[in-house]
PDB file of N, CA and C in Angstrom:
ATOM      1  N   MET A   1     -92.580   4.875 -42.064  1.00  0.00           N
ATOM      2  CA  MET A   1     -92.694   5.190 -40.664  1.00  0.00           C
ATOM      3  C   MET A   1     -94.119   5.574 -40.299  1.00  0.00           C
ATOM      4  N   THR A   2     -94.785   6.325 -41.133  1.00  0.00           N
ATOM      5  CA  THR A   2     -96.121   6.811 -40.797  1.00  0.00           C
ATOM      6  C   THR A   2     -97.122   5.674 -40.735  1.00  0.00           C
ATOM      7  N   LYS A   3     -96.919   4.626 -41.542  1.00  0.00           N
ATOM      8  CA  LYS A   3     -97.857   3.502 -41.509  1.00  0.00           C
ATOM      9  C   LYS A   3     -97.785   2.786 -40.167  1.00  0.00           C
ATOM     10  N   ARG A   4     -96.589   2.600 -39.636  1.00  0.00           N
ATOM     11  CA  ARG A   4     -96.445   1.941 -38.348  1.00  0.00           C
ATOM     12  C   ARG A   4     -97.068   2.805 -37.247  1.00  0.00           C
ATOM     13  N   ASN A   5     -96.860   4.115 -37.324  1.00  0.00           N
ATOM     14  CA  ASN A   5     -97.465   5.017 -36.349  1.00  0.00           C
ATOM     15  C   ASN A   5     -98.987   4.934 -36.426  1.00  0.00           C
ATOM     16  N   GLN A   6     -99.513   4.824 -37.632  1.00  0.00           N
ATOM     17  CA  GLN A   6    -100.950   4.708 -37.787  1.00  0.00           C
ATOM     18  C   GLN A   6    -101.457   3.397 -37.211  1.00  0.00           C
ATOM     19  N   PHE A   7    -100.652   2.336 -37.351  1.00  0.00           N
ATOM     20  CA  PHE A   7    -101.045   1.040 -36.796  1.00  0.00           C
ATOM     21  C   PHE A   7    -101.233   1.138 -35.289  1.00  0.00           C
ATOM     22  N   TRP A   8    -100.228   1.683 -34.607  1.00  0.00           N
ATOM     23  CA  TRP A   8    -100.307   1.780 -33.150  1.00  0.00           C
ATOM     24  C   TRP A   8    -101.395   2.761 -32.719  1.00  0.00           C
ATOM     25  N   LYS A   9    -101.564   3.804 -33.476  1.00  0.00           N
ATOM     26  CA  LYS A   9    -102.626   4.762 -33.180  1.00  0.00           C
ATOM     27  C   LYS A   9    -103.986   4.076 -33.308  1.00  0.00           C
ATOM     28  N   GLY A  10    -104.144   3.264 -34.354  1.00  0.00           N
ATOM     29  CA  GLY A  10    -105.384   2.512 -34.553  1.00  0.00           C
ATOM     30  C   GLY A  10    -105.614   1.498 -33.438  1.00  0.00           C
ATOM     31  N   MET A  11    -104.543   0.841 -33.010  1.00  0.00           N
ATOM     32  CA  MET A  11    -104.651  -0.116 -31.904  1.00  0.00           C
ATOM     33  C   MET A  11    -105.122   0.587 -30.639  1.00  0.00           C
ATOM     34  N   LEU A  12    -104.551   1.729 -30.334  1.00  0.00           N
ATOM     35  CA  LEU A  12    -104.916   2.483 -29.140  1.00  0.00           C
ATOM     36  C   LEU A  12    -106.373   2.939 -29.215  1.00  0.00           C
ATOM     37  N   LEU A  13    -106.749   3.480 -30.351  1.00  0.00           N
ATOM     38  CA  LEU A  13    -108.130   3.936 -30.512  1.00  0.00           C
ATOM     39  C   LEU A  13    -109.110   2.760 -30.424  1.00  0.00           C
ATOM     40  N   GLY A  14    -108.734   1.635 -30.986  1.00  0.00           N
ATOM     41  CA  GLY A  14    -109.582   0.439 -30.912  1.00  0.00           C
ATOM     42  C   GLY A  14    -109.743  -0.047 -29.484  1.00  0.00           C
ATOM     43  N   ALA A  15    -108.649  -0.021 -28.716  1.00  0.00           N
ATOM     44  CA  ALA A  15    -108.716  -0.444 -27.319  1.00  0.00           C
ATOM     45  C   ALA A  15    -109.609   0.491 -26.515  1.00  0.00           C
ATOM     46  N   ILE A  16    -109.477   1.791 -26.770  1.00  0.00           N
ATOM     47  CA  ILE A  16    -110.316   2.764 -26.063  1.00  0.00           C
ATOM     48  C   ILE A  16    -111.781   2.562 -26.426  1.00  0.00           C
ATOM     49  N   ALA A  17    -112.048   2.374 -27.714  1.00  0.00           N
ATOM     50  CA  ALA A  17    -113.427   2.173 -28.162  1.00  0.00           C
ATOM     51  C   ALA A  17    -113.991   0.886 -27.569  1.00  0.00           C
ATOM     52  N   GLY A  18    -113.199  -0.180 -27.559  1.00  0.00           N
ATOM     53  CA  GLY A  18    -113.664  -1.452 -26.991  1.00  0.00           C
ATOM     54  C   GLY A  18    -113.952  -1.332 -25.505  1.00  0.00           C
ATOM     55  N   GLY A  19    -113.071  -0.615 -24.792  1.00  0.00           N
ATOM     56  CA  GLY A  19    -113.301  -0.406 -23.370  1.00  0.00           C
ATOM     57  C   GLY A  19    -114.562   0.391 -23.119  1.00  0.00           C
ATOM     58  N   ALA A  20    -114.771   1.430 -23.918  1.00  0.00           N
ATOM     59  CA  ALA A  20    -115.964   2.269 -23.753  1.00  0.00           C
ATOM     60  C   ALA A  20    -117.236   1.474 -24.046  1.00  0.00           C
ATOM     61  N   ILE A  21    -117.191   0.655 -25.076  1.00  0.00           N
ATOM     62  CA  ILE A  21    -118.367  -0.156 -25.434  1.00  0.00           C
ATOM     63  C   ILE A  21    -118.667  -1.172 -24.334  1.00  0.00           C
ATOM     64  N   SER A  22    -117.613  -1.759 -23.753  1.00  0.00           N
ATOM     65  CA  SER A  22    -117.844  -2.754 -22.708  1.00  0.00           C
ATOM     66  C   SER A  22    -118.484  -2.145 -21.468  1.00  0.00           C
ATOM     67  N   LEU A  23    -118.343  -0.834 -21.282  1.00  0.00           N
ATOM     68  CA  LEU A  23    -118.937  -0.171 -20.122  1.00  0.00           C
ATOM     69  C   LEU A  23    -120.444   0.032 -20.264  1.00  0.00           C
ATOM     70  N   PHE A  24    -121.012  -0.289 -21.418  1.00  0.00           N
ATOM     71  CA  PHE A  24    -122.469  -0.237 -21.549  1.00  0.00           C
ATOM     72  C   PHE A  24    -123.139  -1.284 -20.662  1.00  0.00           C
ATOM     73  N   ASP A  25    -122.408  -2.351 -20.334  1.00  0.00           N
ATOM     74  CA  ASP A  25    -122.936  -3.393 -19.455  1.00  0.00           C
ATOM     75  C   ASP A  25    -122.853  -2.923 -18.000  1.00  0.00           C
ATOM     76  N   LYS A  26    -123.974  -3.004 -17.276  1.00  0.00           N
ATOM     77  CA  LYS A  26    -124.039  -2.500 -15.902  1.00  0.00           C
ATOM     78  C   LYS A  26    -123.078  -3.247 -14.977  1.00  0.00           C
ATOM     79  N   ASP A  27    -123.013  -4.593 -15.061  1.00  0.00           N
ATOM     80  CA  ASP A  27    -122.119  -5.382 -14.202  1.00  0.00           C
ATOM     81  C   ASP A  27    -120.663  -4.991 -14.424  1.00  0.00           C
ATOM     82  N   THR A  28    -120.301  -4.792 -15.680  1.00  0.00           N
ATOM     83  CA  THR A  28    -118.926  -4.399 -16.000  1.00  0.00           C
ATOM     84  C   THR A  28    -118.608  -3.033 -15.406  1.00  0.00           C
ATOM     85  N   ARG A  29    -119.556  -2.095 -15.501  1.00  0.00           N
ATOM     86  CA  ARG A  29    -119.340  -0.765 -14.910  1.00  0.00           C
ATOM     87  C   ARG A  29    -119.130  -0.859 -13.403  1.00  0.00           C
ATOM     88  N   GLU A  30    -119.935  -1.678 -12.725  1.00  0.00           N
ATOM     89  CA  GLU A  30    -119.810  -1.809 -11.272  1.00  0.00           C
ATOM     90  C   GLU A  30    -118.469  -2.438 -10.879  1.00  0.00           C
ATOM     91  N   ILE A  31    -118.091  -3.453 -11.614  1.00  0.00           N
ATOM     92  CA  ILE A  31    -116.807  -4.107 -11.330  1.00  0.00           C
ATOM     93  C   ILE A  31    -115.657  -3.129 -11.564  1.00  0.00           C
ATOM     94  N   MET A  32    -115.712  -2.409 -12.664  1.00  0.00           N
ATOM     95  CA  MET A  32    -114.654  -1.433 -12.956  1.00  0.00           C
ATOM     96  C   MET A  32    -114.615  -0.334 -11.901  1.00  0.00           C
ATOM     97  N   LYS A  33    -115.789   0.086 -11.433  1.00  0.00           N
ATOM     98  CA  LYS A  33    -115.852   1.104 -10.384  1.00  0.00           C
ATOM     99  C   LYS A  33    -115.162   0.612  -9.123  1.00  0.00           C
ATOM    100  N   GLU A  34    -115.418  -0.658  -8.750  1.00  0.00           N
ATOM    101  CA  GLU A  34    -114.766  -1.241  -7.571  1.00  0.00           C
ATOM    102  C   GLU A  34    -113.250  -1.280  -7.750  1.00  0.00           C
ATOM    103  N   HIS A  35    -112.805  -1.714  -8.927  1.00  0.00           N
ATOM    104  CA  HIS A  35    -111.360  -1.796  -9.197  1.00  0.00           C
ATOM    105  C   HIS A  35    -110.708  -0.414  -9.148  1.00  0.00           C
ATOM    106  N   VAL A  36    -111.371   0.563  -9.739  1.00  0.00           N
ATOM    107  CA  VAL A  36    -110.813   1.920  -9.738  1.00  0.00           C
ATOM    108  C   VAL A  36    -110.720   2.450  -8.310  1.00  0.00           C
ATOM    109  N   LEU A  37    -111.746   2.196  -7.493  1.00  0.00           N
ATOM    110  CA  LEU A  37    -111.717   2.648  -6.094  1.00  0.00           C
ATOM    111  C   LEU A  37    -110.584   1.969  -5.321  1.00  0.00           C
ATOM    112  N   LYS A  38    -110.415   0.657  -5.531  1.00  0.00           N
ATOM    113  CA  LYS A  38    -109.335  -0.059  -4.842  1.00  0.00           C
ATOM    114  C   LYS A  38    -107.970   0.510  -5.223  1.00  0.00           C
ATOM    115  N   VAL A  39    -107.774   0.692  -6.520  1.00  0.00           N
ATOM    116  CA  VAL A  39    -106.480   1.199  -6.998  1.00  0.00           C
ATOM    117  C   VAL A  39    -106.242   2.618  -6.490  1.00  0.00           C
ATOM    118  N   SER A  40    -107.276   3.442  -6.537  1.00  0.00           N
ATOM    119  CA  SER A  40    -107.085   4.824  -6.067  1.00  0.00           C
ATOM    120  C   SER A  40    -106.836   4.861  -4.562  1.00  0.00           C
ATOM    121  N   ASN A  41    -107.518   3.997  -3.802  1.00  0.00           N
ATOM    122  CA  ASN A  41    -107.262   3.939  -2.359  1.00  0.00           C
ATOM    123  C   ASN A  41    -105.838   3.496  -2.063  1.00  0.00           C
ATOM    124  N   LYS A  42    -105.368   2.504  -2.798  1.00  0.00           N
ATOM    125  CA  LYS A  42    -103.981   2.058  -2.614  1.00  0.00           C
ATOM    126  C   LYS A  42    -103.006   3.161  -2.999  1.00  0.00           C
ATOM    127  N   GLY A  43    -103.315   3.858  -4.065  1.00  0.00           N
ATOM    128  CA  GLY A  43    -102.458   4.966  -4.487  1.00  0.00           C
ATOM    129  C   GLY A  43    -102.409   6.062  -3.439  1.00  0.00           C
ATOM    130  N   LEU A  44    -103.555   6.398  -2.877  1.00  0.00           N
ATOM    131  CA  LEU A  44    -103.598   7.416  -1.821  1.00  0.00           C
ATOM    132  C   LEU A  44    -102.823   6.967  -0.579  1.00  0.00           C
ATOM    133  N   TYR A  45    -102.958   5.687  -0.237  1.00  0.00           N
ATOM    134  CA  TYR A  45    -102.236   5.162   0.926  1.00  0.00           C
ATOM    135  C   TYR A  45    -100.726   5.275   0.703  1.00  0.00           C
ATOM    136  N   ILE A  46    -100.291   4.931  -0.496  1.00  0.00           N
ATOM    137  CA  ILE A  46     -98.862   5.021  -0.817  1.00  0.00           C
ATOM    138  C   ILE A  46     -98.387   6.466  -0.732  1.00  0.00           C
ATOM    139  N   VAL A  47     -99.184   7.388  -1.224  1.00  0.00           N
ATOM    140  CA  VAL A  47     -98.810   8.797  -1.186  1.00  0.00           C
ATOM    141  C   VAL A  47     -98.752   9.305   0.257  1.00  0.00           C
ATOM    142  N   LYS A  48     -99.687   8.861   1.097  1.00  0.00           N
ATOM    143  CA  LYS A  48     -99.732   9.324   2.486  1.00  0.00           C
ATOM    144  C   LYS A  48     -98.701   8.648   3.390  1.00  0.00           C
ATOM    145  N   HIS A  49     -98.257   7.430   3.038  1.00  0.00           N
ATOM    146  CA  HIS A  49     -97.333   6.665   3.881  1.00  0.00           C
ATOM    147  C   HIS A  49     -96.110   6.193   3.087  1.00  0.00           C
ATOM    148  N   PRO A  50     -95.358   7.087   2.512  1.00  0.00           N
ATOM    149  CA  PRO A  50     -94.232   6.658   1.673  1.00  0.00           C
ATOM    150  C   PRO A  50     -93.124   5.944   2.458  1.00  0.00           C
ATOM    151  N   LYS A  51     -92.892   6.355   3.715  1.00  0.00           N
ATOM    152  CA  LYS A  51     -91.839   5.701   4.510  1.00  0.00           C
ATOM    153  C   LYS A  51     -92.191   4.255   4.806  1.00  0.00           C
ATOM    154  N   GLU A  52     -93.451   4.006   5.105  1.00  0.00           N
ATOM    155  CA  GLU A  52     -93.885   2.634   5.383  1.00  0.00           C
ATOM    156  C   GLU A  52     -93.707   1.759   4.139  1.00  0.00           C
ATOM    157  N   ILE A  53     -94.104   2.285   3.002  1.00  0.00           N
ATOM    158  CA  ILE A  53     -93.979   1.530   1.755  1.00  0.00           C
ATOM    159  C   ILE A  53     -92.509   1.288   1.440  1.00  0.00           C
ATOM    160  N   ALA A  54     -91.681   2.314   1.652  1.00  0.00           N
ATOM    161  CA  ALA A  54     -90.243   2.158   1.407  1.00  0.00           C
ATOM    162  C   ALA A  54     -89.662   1.095   2.333  1.00  0.00           C
ATOM    163  N   GLY A  55     -90.100   1.085   3.593  1.00  0.00           N
ATOM    164  CA  GLY A  55     -89.641   0.058   4.541  1.00  0.00           C
ATOM    165  C   GLY A  55     -90.050  -1.338   4.104  1.00  0.00           C
ATOM    166  N   GLN A  56     -91.284  -1.472   3.638  1.00  0.00           N
ATOM    167  CA  GLN A  56     -91.749  -2.775   3.158  1.00  0.00           C
ATOM    168  C   GLN A  56     -90.943  -3.231   1.947  1.00  0.00           C
ATOM    169  N   ILE A  57     -90.642  -2.300   1.069  1.00  0.00           N
ATOM    170  CA  ILE A  57     -89.847  -2.639  -0.118  1.00  0.00           C
ATOM    171  C   ILE A  57     -88.446  -3.082   0.304  1.00  0.00           C
ATOM    172  N   LYS A  58     -87.853  -2.374   1.261  1.00  0.00           N
ATOM    173  CA  LYS A  58     -86.518  -2.748   1.742  1.00  0.00           C
ATOM    174  C   LYS A  58     -86.535  -4.130   2.386  1.00  0.00           C
ATOM    175  N   GLU A  59     -87.565  -4.398   3.219  1.00  0.00           N
ATOM    176  CA  GLU A  59     -87.683  -5.719   3.855  1.00  0.00           C
ATOM    177  C   GLU A  59     -87.811  -6.818   2.806  1.00  0.00           C
ATOM    178  N   THR A  60     -88.618  -6.570   1.809  1.00  0.00           N
ATOM    179  CA  THR A  60     -88.793  -7.559   0.743  1.00  0.00           C
ATOM    180  C   THR A  60     -87.483  -7.781  -0.007  1.00  0.00           C
ATOM    181  N   ALA A  61     -86.765  -6.700  -0.273  1.00  0.00           N
ATOM    182  CA  ALA A  61     -85.480  -6.820  -0.974  1.00  0.00           C
ATOM    183  C   ALA A  61     -84.488  -7.619  -0.131  1.00  0.00           C
ATOM    184  N   ILE A  62     -84.479  -7.375   1.182  1.00  0.00           N
ATOM    185  CA  ILE A  62     -83.574  -8.122   2.067  1.00  0.00           C
ATOM    186  C   ILE A  62     -83.934  -9.606   2.058  1.00  0.00           C
ATOM    187  N   ARG A  63     -85.232  -9.910   2.151  1.00  0.00           N
ATOM    188  CA  ARG A  63     -85.657 -11.321   2.138  1.00  0.00           C
ATOM    189  C   ARG A  63     -85.285 -11.995   0.813  1.00  0.00           C
ATOM    190  N   ILE A  64     -85.456 -11.285  -0.282  1.00  0.00           N
ATOM    191  CA  ILE A  64     -85.096 -11.842  -1.590  1.00  0.00           C
ATOM    192  C   ILE A  64     -83.593 -12.094  -1.648  1.00  0.00           C
ATOM    193  N   LYS A  65     -82.802 -11.147  -1.157  1.00  0.00           N
ATOM    194  CA  LYS A  65     -81.345 -11.298  -1.155  1.00  0.00           C
ATOM    195  C   LYS A  65     -80.933 -12.506  -0.314  1.00  0.00           C
ATOM    196  N   GLU A  66     -81.534 -12.658   0.880  1.00  0.00           N
ATOM    197  CA  GLU A  66     -81.209 -13.793   1.743  1.00  0.00           C
ATOM    198  C   GLU A  66     -81.601 -15.116   1.076  1.00  0.00           C
ATOM    199  N   THR A  67     -82.741 -15.120   0.421  1.00  0.00           N
ATOM    200  CA  THR A  67     -83.180 -16.340  -0.267  1.00  0.00           C
ATOM    201  C   THR A  67     -82.218 -16.700  -1.390  1.00  0.00           C
ATOM    202  N   VAL A  68     -81.790 -15.712  -2.150  1.00  0.00           N
ATOM    203  CA  VAL A  68     -80.839 -15.960  -3.235  1.00  0.00           C
ATOM    204  C   VAL A  68     -79.523 -16.497  -2.667  1.00  0.00           C
ATOM    205  N   GLU A  69     -79.063 -15.929  -1.556  1.00  0.00           N
ATOM    206  CA  GLU A  69     -77.824 -16.403  -0.938  1.00  0.00           C
ATOM    207  C   GLU A  69     -77.980 -17.839  -0.456  1.00  0.00           C
ATOM    208  N   ASP A  70     -79.129 -18.153   0.178  1.00  0.00           N
ATOM    209  CA  ASP A  70     -79.369 -19.521   0.642  1.00  0.00           C
ATOM    210  C   ASP A  70     -79.379 -20.507  -0.517  1.00  0.00           C
ATOM    211  N   VAL A  71     -80.064 -20.129  -1.583  1.00  0.00           N
ATOM    212  CA  VAL A  71     -80.124 -21.013  -2.759  1.00  0.00           C
ATOM    213  C   VAL A  71     -78.733 -21.185  -3.350  1.00  0.00           C
ATOM    214  N   SER A  72     -77.965 -20.115  -3.386  1.00  0.00           N
ATOM    215  CA  SER A  72     -76.605 -20.183  -3.916  1.00  0.00           C
ATOM    216  C   SER A  72     -75.745 -21.137  -3.076  1.00  0.00           C
ATOM    217  N   GLU A  73     -75.877 -21.036  -1.745  1.00  0.00           N
ATOM    218  CA  GLU A  73     -75.124 -21.939  -0.869  1.00  0.00           C
ATOM    219  C   GLU A  73     -75.562 -23.382  -1.080  1.00  0.00           C
ATOM    220  N   ASP A  74     -76.873 -23.602  -1.215  1.00  0.00           N
ATOM    221  CA  ASP A  74     -77.384 -24.959  -1.448  1.00  0.00           C
ATOM    222  C   ASP A  74     -76.846 -25.527  -2.760  1.00  0.00           C
ATOM    223  N   ILE A  75     -76.838 -24.704  -3.793  1.00  0.00           N
ATOM    224  CA  ILE A  75     -76.326 -25.158  -5.093  1.00  0.00           C
ATOM    225  C   ILE A  75     -74.837 -25.484  -4.987  1.00  0.00           C
ATOM    226  N   SER A  76     -74.104 -24.660  -4.274  1.00  0.00           N
ATOM    227  CA  SER A  76     -72.672 -24.905  -4.088  1.00  0.00           C
ATOM    228  C   SER A  76     -72.450 -26.224  -3.351  1.00  0.00           C
ATOM    229  N   PHE A  77     -73.245 -26.475  -2.303  1.00  0.00           N
ATOM    230  CA  PHE A  77     -73.130 -27.717  -1.536  1.00  0.00           C
ATOM    231  C   PHE A  77     -73.426 -28.922  -2.427  1.00  0.00           C
ATOM    232  N   ILE A  78     -74.503 -28.825  -3.191  1.00  0.00           N
ATOM    233  CA  ILE A  78     -74.878 -29.933  -4.078  1.00  0.00           C
ATOM    234  C   ILE A  78     -73.796 -30.163  -5.127  1.00  0.00           C
ATOM    235  N   THR A  79     -73.251 -29.101  -5.678  1.00  0.00           N
ATOM    236  CA  THR A  79     -72.188 -29.222  -6.672  1.00  0.00           C
ATOM    237  C   THR A  79     -70.970 -29.922  -6.080  1.00  0.00           C
ATOM    238  N   ASP A  80     -70.613 -29.558  -4.848  1.00  0.00           N
ATOM    239  CA  ASP A  80     -69.487 -30.210  -4.182  1.00  0.00           C
ATOM    240  C   ASP A  80     -69.752 -31.702  -3.987  1.00  0.00           C
ATOM    241  N   LYS A  81     -70.964 -32.059  -3.580  1.00  0.00           N
ATOM    242  CA  LYS A  81     -71.309 -33.469  -3.371  1.00  0.00           C
ATOM    243  C   LYS A  81     -71.279 -34.241  -4.688  1.00  0.00           C
ATOM    244  N   VAL A  82     -71.747 -33.620  -5.751  1.00  0.00           N
ATOM    245  CA  VAL A  82     -71.713 -34.281  -7.060  1.00  0.00           C
ATOM    246  C   VAL A  82     -70.271 -34.518  -7.483  1.00  0.00           C
ATOM    247  N   ASP A  83     -69.403 -33.535  -7.260  1.00  0.00           N
ATOM    248  CA  ASP A  83     -67.990 -33.704  -7.581  1.00  0.00           C
ATOM    249  C   ASP A  83     -67.374 -34.836  -6.759  1.00  0.00           C
ATOM    250  N   GLU A  84     -67.722 -34.906  -5.472  1.00  0.00           N
ATOM    251  CA  GLU A  84     -67.220 -35.985  -4.626  1.00  0.00           C
ATOM    252  C   GLU A  84     -67.681 -37.340  -5.153  1.00  0.00           C
ATOM    253  N   LEU A  85     -68.937 -37.414  -5.568  1.00  0.00           N
ATOM    254  CA  LEU A  85     -69.455 -38.672  -6.109  1.00  0.00           C
ATOM    255  C   LEU A  85     -68.749 -39.053  -7.402  1.00  0.00           C
ATOM    256  N   ARG A  86     -68.441 -38.065  -8.217  1.00  0.00           N
ATOM    257  CA  ARG A  86     -67.720 -38.354  -9.464  1.00  0.00           C
ATOM    258  C   ARG A  86     -66.345 -38.936  -9.172  1.00  0.00           C
ATOM    259  N   GLU A  87     -65.698 -38.402  -8.151  1.00  0.00           N
ATOM    260  CA  GLU A  87     -64.379 -38.914  -7.779  1.00  0.00           C
ATOM    261  C   GLU A  87     -64.495 -40.279  -7.117  1.00  0.00           C
ATOM    262  N   LEU A  88     -65.541 -40.489  -6.342  1.00  0.00           N
ATOM    263  CA  LEU A  88     -65.695 -41.714  -5.583  1.00  0.00           C
ATOM    264  C   LEU A  88     -66.166 -42.888  -6.448  1.00  0.00           C
ATOM    265  N   THR A  89     -66.949 -42.630  -7.460  1.00  0.00           N
ATOM    266  CA  THR A  89     -67.539 -43.697  -8.271  1.00  0.00           C
ATOM    267  C   THR A  89     -66.495 -44.618  -8.890  1.00  0.00           C
ATOM    268  N   PRO A  90     -65.437 -44.124  -9.523  1.00  0.00           N
ATOM    269  CA  PRO A  90     -64.438 -45.053 -10.069  1.00  0.00           C
ATOM    270  C   PRO A  90     -63.771 -45.895  -8.982  1.00  0.00           C
ATOM    271  N   LYS A  91     -63.555 -45.308  -7.808  1.00  0.00           N
ATOM    272  CA  LYS A  91     -62.951 -46.064  -6.709  1.00  0.00           C
ATOM    273  C   LYS A  91     -63.868 -47.196  -6.268  1.00  0.00           C
ATOM    274  N   VAL A  92     -65.153 -46.897  -6.133  1.00  0.00           N
ATOM    275  CA  VAL A  92     -66.111 -47.923  -5.725  1.00  0.00           C
ATOM    276  C   VAL A  92     -66.201 -49.010  -6.783  1.00  0.00           C
ATOM    277  N   THR A  93     -66.200 -48.609  -8.047  1.00  0.00           N
ATOM    278  CA  THR A  93     -66.246 -49.583  -9.134  1.00  0.00           C
ATOM    279  C   THR A  93     -65.030 -50.510  -9.075  1.00  0.00           C
ATOM    280  N   ASP A  94     -63.858 -49.950  -8.840  1.00  0.00           N
ATOM    281  CA  ASP A  94     -62.653 -50.772  -8.719  1.00  0.00           C
ATOM    282  C   ASP A  94     -62.745 -51.726  -7.534  1.00  0.00           C
ATOM    283  N   ILE A  95     -63.248 -51.250  -6.408  1.00  0.00           N
ATOM    284  CA  ILE A  95     -63.383 -52.110  -5.225  1.00  0.00           C
ATOM    285  C   ILE A  95     -64.347 -53.251  -5.499  1.00  0.00           C
ATOM    286  N   VAL A  96     -65.456 -52.955  -6.167  1.00  0.00           N
ATOM    287  CA  VAL A  96     -66.436 -53.993  -6.488  1.00  0.00           C
ATOM    288  C   VAL A  96     -65.817 -55.023  -7.428  1.00  0.00           C
ATOM    289  N   LYS A  97     -65.073 -54.571  -8.429  1.00  0.00           N
ATOM    290  CA  LYS A  97     -64.416 -55.507  -9.351  1.00  0.00           C
ATOM    291  C   LYS A  97     -63.410 -56.384  -8.621  1.00  0.00           C
ATOM    292  N   GLU A  98     -62.607 -55.755  -7.755  1.00  0.00           N
ATOM    293  CA  GLU A  98     -61.618 -56.527  -6.998  1.00  0.00           C
ATOM    294  C   GLU A  98     -62.296 -57.542  -6.090  1.00  0.00           C
ATOM    295  N   THR A  99     -63.381 -57.149  -5.454  1.00  0.00           N
ATOM    296  CA  THR A  99     -64.110 -58.068  -4.575  1.00  0.00           C
ATOM    297  C   THR A  99     -64.687 -59.220  -5.382  1.00  0.00           C
ATOM    298  N   LYS A 100     -65.256 -58.907  -6.516  1.00  0.00           N
ATOM    299  CA  LYS A 100     -65.823 -59.946  -7.376  1.00  0.00           C
ATOM    300  C   LYS A 100     -64.728 -60.913  -7.818  1.00  0.00           C
ATOM    301  N   GLU A 101     -63.582 -60.352  -8.213  1.00  0.00           N
ATOM    302  CA  GLU A 101     -62.468 -61.199  -8.641  1.00  0.00           C
ATOM    303  C   GLU A 101     -61.973 -62.057  -7.491  1.00  0.00           C
ATOM    304  N   ALA A 102     -61.921 -61.479  -6.304  1.00  0.00           N
ATOM    305  CA  ALA A 102     -61.454 -62.248  -5.141  1.00  0.00           C
ATOM    306  C   ALA A 102     -62.410 -63.391  -4.861  1.00  0.00           C
ATOM    307  N   PHE A 103     -63.696 -63.163  -4.886  1.00  0.00           N
ATOM    308  CA  PHE A 103     -64.657 -64.234  -4.634  1.00  0.00           C
ATOM    309  C   PHE A 103     -64.646 -65.249  -5.759  1.00  0.00           C
ATOM    310  N   THR A 104     -64.487 -64.781  -6.991  1.00  0.00           N
ATOM    311  CA  THR A 104     -64.437 -65.700  -8.116  1.00  0.00           C
ATOM    312  C   THR A 104     -63.200 -66.577  -8.010  1.00  0.00           C
ATOM    313  N   ASP A 105     -62.061 -65.986  -7.670  1.00  0.00           N
ATOM    314  CA  ASP A 105     -60.827 -66.757  -7.498  1.00  0.00           C
ATOM    315  C   ASP A 105     -60.972 -67.744  -6.352  1.00  0.00           C
ATOM    316  N   ASP A 106     -61.553 -67.323  -5.232  1.00  0.00           N
ATOM    317  CA  ASP A 106     -61.748 -68.217  -4.088  1.00  0.00           C
ATOM    318  C   ASP A 106     -62.689 -69.347  -4.448  1.00  0.00           C
ATOM    319  N   GLU A 107     -63.743 -69.055  -5.194  1.00  0.00           N
ATOM    320  CA  GLU A 107     -64.706 -70.081  -5.592  1.00  0.00           C
ATOM    321  C   GLU A 107     -64.041 -71.098  -6.511  1.00  0.00           C
ATOM    322  N   ASP A 108     -63.243 -70.585  -7.474  1.00  0.00           N
ATOM    323  CA  ASP A 108     -62.553 -71.486  -8.396  1.00  0.00           C
ATOM    324  C   ASP A 108     -61.579 -72.380  -7.642  1.00  0.00           C
ATOM    325  N   SER A 109     -60.833 -71.815  -6.698  1.00  0.00           N
ATOM    326  CA  SER A 109     -59.870 -72.625  -5.958  1.00  0.00           C
ATOM    327  C   SER A 109     -60.599 -73.594  -5.034  1.00  0.00           C
ATOM    328  N   TRP A 110     -61.734 -73.213  -4.484  1.00  0.00           N
ATOM    329  CA  TRP A 110     -62.508 -74.100  -3.624  1.00  0.00           C
ATOM    330  C   TRP A 110     -63.051 -75.269  -4.431  1.00  0.00           C
ATOM    331  N   LEU A 111     -63.518 -74.973  -5.661  1.00  0.00           N
ATOM    332  CA  LEU A 111     -64.018 -76.040  -6.524  1.00  0.00           C
ATOM    333  C   LEU A 111     -62.886 -76.994  -6.895  1.00  0.00           C
ATOM    334  N   GLU A 112     -61.721 -76.435  -7.205  1.00  0.00           N
ATOM    335  CA  GLU A 112     -60.583 -77.279  -7.560  1.00  0.00           C
ATOM    336  C   GLU A 112     -60.181 -78.153  -6.380  1.00  0.00           C
ATOM    337  N   ASP A 113     -60.154 -77.597  -5.190  1.00  0.00           N
ATOM    338  CA  ASP A 113     -59.789 -78.357  -3.997  1.00  0.00           C
ATOM    339  C   ASP A 113     -60.798 -79.459  -3.735  1.00  0.00           C
ATOM    340  N   SER A 114     -62.077 -79.182  -3.891  1.00  0.00           N
ATOM    341  CA  SER A 114     -63.104 -80.175  -3.600  1.00  0.00           C
ATOM    342  C   SER A 114     -63.084 -81.283  -4.661  1.00  0.00           C
ATOM    343  N   VAL A 115     -62.761 -80.955  -5.890  1.00  0.00           N
ATOM    344  CA  VAL A 115     -62.689 -81.971  -6.943  1.00  0.00           C
ATOM    345  C   VAL A 115     -61.483 -82.864  -6.685  1.00  0.00           C
ATOM    346  N   ILE A 116     -60.375 -82.305  -6.278  1.00  0.00           N
ATOM    347  CA  ILE A 116     -59.171 -83.087  -6.023  1.00  0.00           C
ATOM    348  C   ILE A 116     -59.397 -83.988  -4.831  1.00  0.00           C
ATOM    349  N   LYS A 117     -60.046 -83.555  -3.803  1.00  0.00           N
ATOM    350  CA  LYS A 117     -60.275 -84.361  -2.597  1.00  0.00           C
ATOM    351  C   LYS A 117     -61.250 -85.485  -2.884  1.00  0.00           C
ATOM    352  N   GLU A 118     -62.189 -85.290  -3.777  1.00  0.00           N
ATOM    353  CA  GLU A 118     -63.158 -86.327  -4.084  1.00  0.00           C
ATOM    354  C   GLU A 118     -62.522 -87.465  -4.864  1.00  0.00           C
ATOM    355  N   ASP A 119     -61.519 -87.181  -5.643  1.00  0.00           N
ATOM    356  CA  ASP A 119     -60.871 -88.228  -6.455  1.00  0.00           C
ATOM    357  C   ASP A 119     -60.109 -89.111  -5.550  1.00  0.00           C
TER     358      ASP A 119
END
């Protein structure tokens, strides 16, 4: 157990050391300063306006719920249409076969009639 704890402790210390070393670069320090200011400003805004943030979260949750319901209805509709097509396909296949047979029979009888009349 202690070896695994040492591993994670070493990882954490390495990350801290790497972050500290990267701050020796002036551009990196300025960028990090900007990011920290943005995050802290957003944090302060959230603390000062919790009702507004809660309202936005509720609106987003409602929109997500409506989208999920719409997608669910669309999937249900598509599933119903696929089922209808599965039922309809054998019927259409039978109709096509019957039509083909009818034309083939008519063609054969027409050929027989024309051969008999020519003789």
